[in-house]
Amino acid sequence: MATRLTILACLLLAPLCAHAADLPKQGTTSYTASFVQMPSNVLKQGDRVALTRDFYGITRNDEGAAMWDAMGVHCLGIAEGAGDEYAGSASCVSTDKDGDQIFATATGTNRTGTLTYFGGTGKYAGITGKGDYVTEWIKGTPDHPMFVNRIKASWKLP
């Protein structure tokens, strides 16, 4: 009876173990994150503007790998600048189809920046690393700007 229970437990848990085992413990990859920004709170300071940023997106791994593929992303941040030159920062959570998450901070301009990965849940618990990104702005609406970040990431799992 104990042998049957052990076999049954292994069969039931095998898919979970195999899914986590599919992720390498470290590596590099490229992925694209497409975002829509929600309406912002704006504070005008002469020719400068300060604003809050609340944006949602979806990732796709450019190499077909599992890391950062088909994840939902939510970021909250602030930006400040004048004309078309802005700098800012944000905190982001990426969530995969299993509900496991990667936590990151972003700092940069409206054109380039860096993500710092500093933890997560489930299979991403303890993740560290960074991602450099380039932003491409897409024609959206005045209330919902849209943009794509092309990211080159490196990471390590414990």
Protein backbone atom coordinates (compact mmCIF):
# COMPACT_ATOMS: atom_id res chain seq x y z
CA MET A 1 0.00 0.00 0.00
CA ALA A 2 2.81 2.43 0.89
CA THR A 3 4.48 1.73 -2.47
CA ARG A 4 1.25 2.54 -4.32
CA LEU A 5 0.88 5.82 -2.42
CA THR A 6 4.49 6.75 -3.21
CA ILE A 7 3.97 6.00 -6.91
CA LEU A 8 0.70 7.95 -6.95
CA ALA A 9 2.35 10.94 -5.23
CA CYS A 10 5.21 10.91 -7.74
CA LEU A 11 2.82 10.76 -10.68
CA LEU A 12 0.73 13.64 -9.34
CA LEU A 13 3.72 15.84 -8.51
CA ALA A 14 5.80 15.05 -11.62
CA PRO A 15 4.20 17.72 -13.81
CA LEU A 16 4.89 20.40 -11.18
CA CYS A 17 8.50 19.34 -10.79
CA ALA A 18 9.01 19.10 -14.54
CA HIS A 19 7.62 22.63 -15.09
CA ALA A 20 10.00 24.17 -12.56
CA ALA A 21 12.85 22.06 -13.94
CA ASP A 22 12.26 23.56 -17.42
CA LEU A 23 13.65 26.88 -16.18
CA PRO A 24 17.43 27.15 -16.22
CA LYS A 25 19.00 28.36 -12.96
CA GLN A 26 20.63 31.28 -14.80
CA GLY A 27 20.87 32.70 -18.24
CA THR A 28 20.32 35.51 -20.69
CA THR A 29 17.43 36.13 -23.05
CA SER A 30 15.65 38.81 -25.04
CA TYR A 31 11.99 39.59 -24.59
CA THR A 32 9.48 42.22 -25.64
CA ALA A 33 6.96 43.86 -23.32
CA SER A 34 4.02 45.74 -24.90
CA PHE A 35 2.32 48.29 -22.63
CA VAL A 36 -0.75 50.52 -22.37
CA GLN A 37 -0.55 53.38 -19.87
CA MET A 38 -3.58 54.37 -17.84
CA PRO A 39 -4.52 58.05 -17.38
CA SER A 40 -1.94 59.88 -15.26
CA ASN A 41 -1.99 62.46 -12.52
CA VAL A 42 -0.09 65.44 -13.93
CA LEU A 43 1.54 68.35 -12.12
CA LYS A 44 2.70 71.23 -14.35
CA GLN A 45 5.78 73.14 -13.18
CA GLY A 46 6.29 75.88 -15.78
CA ASP A 47 7.65 74.09 -18.85
CA ARG A 48 8.24 70.89 -16.83
CA VAL A 49 5.76 68.16 -15.99
CA ALA A 50 5.69 65.56 -13.20
CA LEU A 51 3.34 62.61 -13.61
CA THR A 52 2.37 59.29 -12.14
CA ARG A 53 2.50 56.22 -14.36
CA ASP A 54 0.28 53.14 -14.12
CA PHE A 55 0.81 50.76 -17.01
CA TYR A 56 -0.13 47.20 -17.95
CA GLY A 57 1.45 44.89 -20.49
CA ILE A 58 2.17 41.46 -21.85
CA THR A 59 5.58 39.90 -22.48
CA ARG A 60 6.76 37.60 -25.24
CA ASN A 61 10.15 35.88 -25.22
CA ASP A 62 11.85 36.73 -28.54
CA GLU A 63 13.81 33.46 -28.52
CA GLY A 64 10.87 31.15 -27.74
CA ALA A 65 12.27 30.38 -24.28
CA ALA A 66 10.18 30.01 -21.13
CA MET A 67 11.57 32.99 -19.17
CA TRP A 68 9.40 36.12 -19.53
CA ASP A 69 7.10 34.47 -22.06
CA ALA A 70 3.36 35.24 -21.94
CA MET A 71 3.54 37.08 -18.62
CA GLY A 72 1.19 39.86 -17.54
CA VAL A 73 2.99 42.95 -16.22
CA HIS A 74 1.76 45.78 -13.97
CA CYS A 75 3.98 48.75 -13.15
CA LEU A 76 3.50 51.87 -11.01
CA GLY A 77 5.90 54.77 -11.25
CA ILE A 78 6.67 58.44 -11.61
CA ALA A 79 8.27 60.52 -14.35
CA GLU A 80 9.43 64.09 -14.71
CA GLY A 81 10.63 66.11 -17.66
CA ALA A 82 10.01 68.70 -20.34
CA GLY A 83 9.19 68.45 -24.04
CA ASP A 84 9.88 64.88 -25.10
CA GLU A 85 12.65 64.24 -22.53
CA TYR A 86 11.53 62.39 -19.40
CA ALA A 87 13.25 60.42 -16.65
CA GLY A 88 11.57 58.23 -14.09
CA SER A 89 11.30 55.05 -12.12
CA ALA A 90 8.74 52.31 -11.58
CA SER A 91 8.08 49.16 -9.58
CA CYS A 92 6.83 46.18 -11.60
CA VAL A 93 5.33 42.74 -11.06
CA SER A 94 5.35 40.15 -13.88
CA THR A 95 2.95 37.22 -13.41
CA ASP A 96 3.04 33.97 -15.39
CA LYS A 97 0.14 31.63 -16.21
CA ASP A 98 0.70 29.69 -12.95
CA GLY A 99 0.45 32.87 -10.86
CA ASP A 100 4.18 32.90 -10.04
CA GLN A 101 5.70 36.39 -10.04
CA ILE A 102 8.94 38.27 -10.73
CA PHE A 103 9.53 41.61 -8.96
CA ALA A 104 11.55 44.40 -10.58
CA THR A 105 12.34 48.08 -10.41
CA ALA A 106 12.86 50.18 -13.54
CA THR A 107 14.87 53.37 -13.91
CA GLY A 108 15.53 55.30 -17.07
CA THR A 109 14.31 57.79 -19.61
CA ASN A 110 11.46 57.69 -22.07
CA ARG A 111 13.90 55.99 -24.49
CA THR A 112 16.17 53.61 -22.52
CA GLY A 113 16.56 52.17 -19.05
CA THR A 114 17.42 49.30 -16.76
CA LEU A 115 15.29 46.77 -14.92
CA THR A 116 16.62 45.26 -11.69
CA TYR A 117 15.08 41.88 -10.80
CA PHE A 118 15.13 41.41 -7.03
CA GLY A 119 12.81 38.55 -6.09
CA GLY A 120 9.68 36.66 -6.83
CA THR A 121 7.30 33.90 -5.82
CA GLY A 122 7.00 30.21 -6.66
CA LYS A 123 9.53 29.09 -9.25
CA TYR A 124 11.01 32.63 -9.36
CA ALA A 125 11.62 32.95 -5.59
CA GLY A 126 15.04 34.54 -5.01
CA ILE A 127 15.60 35.61 -8.63
CA THR A 128 18.21 38.34 -9.20
CA GLY A 129 19.46 40.02 -12.33
CA LYS A 130 19.00 42.94 -14.68
CA GLY A 131 17.52 43.86 -18.01
CA ASP A 132 18.47 46.74 -20.28
CA TYR A 133 15.60 48.08 -22.37
CA VAL A 134 14.93 50.35 -25.33
CA THR A 135 11.48 51.96 -25.61
CA GLU A 136 9.55 52.39 -28.85
CA TRP A 137 6.49 54.66 -28.54
CA ILE A 138 3.37 53.65 -30.47
CA LYS A 139 0.50 55.89 -31.50
CA GLY A 140 -2.11 55.55 -28.76
CA THR A 141 -4.69 57.99 -27.48
CA PRO A 142 -3.91 61.04 -25.32
CA ASP A 143 -5.28 59.21 -22.24
CA HIS A 144 -3.67 55.84 -23.08
CA PRO A 145 -0.12 56.13 -24.46
CA MET A 146 1.27 52.84 -25.77
CA PHE A 147 4.85 51.63 -25.97
CA VAL A 148 7.00 48.56 -26.48
CA ASN A 149 10.13 47.77 -24.46
CA ARG A 150 12.72 45.50 -26.06
CA ILE A 151 14.67 43.95 -23.20
CA LYS A 152 17.94 42.04 -22.98
CA ALA A 153 17.89 40.28 -19.62
CA SER A 154 20.24 38.22 -17.49
CA TRP A 155 19.10 36.42 -14.35
CA LYS A 156 20.06 33.92 -11.70
CA LEU A 157 17.84 31.70 -9.56
CA PRO A 158 19.06 30.23 -6.24
